[in-house]
Protein backbone atom coordinates (compact mmCIF):
# COMPACT_ATOMS: atom_id res chain seq x y z
CA UNK A 1 48.16 3.55 -12.46
CA UNK A 2 45.57 0.29 -12.91
CA UNK A 3 47.05 -2.99 -13.78
CA UNK A 4 47.72 -3.10 -17.73
CA UNK A 5 50.05 -0.31 -16.92
CA UNK A 6 51.35 -2.10 -14.09
CA UNK A 7 51.77 -5.49 -16.29
CA UNK A 8 53.61 -2.96 -18.43
CA UNK A 9 55.74 -1.26 -17.00
CA UNK A 10 56.65 -3.80 -14.78
CA UNK A 11 57.71 -5.84 -17.97
CA UNK A 12 59.65 -3.12 -19.44
CA UNK A 13 61.67 -2.22 -16.35
CA UNK A 14 63.27 -6.09 -16.61
CA UNK A 15 63.16 -5.52 -20.30
CA UNK A 16 61.59 -8.33 -21.21
CA UNK A 17 58.94 -8.63 -25.01
CA UNK A 18 55.42 -10.25 -23.23
CA UNK A 19 56.78 -13.34 -26.07
CA UNK A 20 59.59 -13.61 -22.90
CA UNK A 21 57.07 -12.84 -20.40
CA UNK A 22 54.27 -14.51 -21.79
CA UNK A 23 57.18 -17.64 -21.86
CA UNK A 24 57.54 -16.79 -18.27
CA UNK A 25 53.74 -17.22 -17.78
CA UNK A 26 53.28 -20.70 -19.92
CA UNK A 27 50.31 -17.81 -21.97
CA UNK A 28 50.42 -16.47 -25.23
CA UNK A 29 51.91 -13.73 -26.44
CA UNK A 30 48.24 -12.45 -27.73
CA UNK A 31 47.30 -12.74 -23.93
CA UNK A 32 49.50 -10.62 -23.01
CA UNK A 33 49.36 -8.23 -24.74
CA UNK A 34 45.16 -7.81 -24.31
CA UNK A 35 46.51 -7.84 -20.79
CA UNK A 36 48.32 -4.40 -21.16
CA UNK A 37 45.76 -3.05 -24.02
CA UNK A 38 42.72 -3.21 -21.08
CA UNK A 39 41.60 -6.01 -23.84
CA UNK A 40 41.43 -8.73 -21.33
CA UNK A 41 41.93 -8.45 -17.55
CA UNK A 42 43.88 -11.69 -16.06
CA UNK A 43 42.19 -14.49 -13.77
CA UNK A 44 42.38 -13.94 -10.31
CA UNK A 45 45.29 -17.16 -11.00
CA UNK A 46 47.24 -14.61 -13.87
CA UNK A 47 47.36 -12.25 -11.10
CA UNK A 48 48.66 -14.29 -7.64
CA UNK A 49 51.21 -15.86 -10.65
CA UNK A 50 52.26 -11.35 -11.57
CA UNK A 51 52.37 -10.89 -8.58
CA UNK A 52 54.92 -13.78 -7.43
CA UNK A 53 56.42 -12.92 -10.91
CA UNK A 54 57.11 -9.81 -10.60
CA UNK A 55 57.70 -9.53 -6.88
CA UNK A 56 54.69 -7.54 -6.33
CA UNK A 57 51.00 -7.43 -4.48
CA UNK A 58 48.45 -7.95 -6.03
CA UNK A 59 47.52 -5.17 -4.81
CA UNK A 60 50.72 -3.09 -6.33
CA UNK A 61 49.56 -5.05 -9.75
CA UNK A 62 46.04 -3.36 -8.95
CA UNK A 63 46.46 -0.33 -8.53
CA UNK A 64 45.90 -0.09 -5.09
CA UNK A 65 49.80 0.25 -3.45
CA UNK A 66 52.12 2.08 -4.70
CA UNK A 67 54.54 0.23 -2.60
CA UNK A 68 57.25 -2.62 -3.28
CA UNK A 69 58.80 -5.31 -1.72
CA UNK A 70 62.39 -7.08 -2.92
CA UNK A 71 62.49 -10.34 -1.87
CA UNK A 72 65.44 -11.08 0.75
CA UNK A 73 64.75 -14.40 1.18
CA UNK A 74 67.96 -17.24 1.25
CA UNK A 75 70.11 -13.61 1.92
CA UNK A 76 72.19 -13.63 4.54
CA UNK A 77 71.65 -11.21 7.69
CA UNK A 78 75.55 -9.57 6.57
CA UNK A 79 73.82 -9.84 3.10
CA UNK A 80 71.10 -8.41 4.44
CA UNK A 81 72.62 -5.70 6.37
CA UNK A 82 74.39 -4.23 2.93
CA UNK A 83 71.01 -4.18 0.90
CA UNK A 84 69.65 -1.87 3.92
CA UNK A 85 72.71 0.74 3.98
CA UNK A 86 72.38 0.55 0.06
CA UNK A 87 68.50 1.42 0.23
CA UNK A 88 68.72 3.85 2.88
CA UNK A 89 71.90 5.37 1.50
CA UNK A 90 69.69 5.94 -1.92
CA UNK A 91 66.98 7.35 0.21
CA UNK A 92 69.17 10.36 1.08
CA UNK A 93 71.12 11.20 -1.81
CA UNK A 94 67.12 11.14 -3.79
CA UNK A 95 66.24 13.50 -0.63
């Protein structure tokens, strides 16, 4: 997928409107619309901000890497073990 498609998909997946995302990023709704419609691209600084906001890499946003990550900083070892077990269970069910 392309940058504009990834931004749209991440926004929709998180149940955010363009207005919600614009407020969270400190930009206008028009900026979000322009990015999603591939009229303009976000600046490098904004690309980094978008990656942080959505907890993805810039490579993912740019369509260069399809791996997805989950931010687990701050979890205890026991909580991390639970999250890992859930992920492993879901992956086994899908295979």
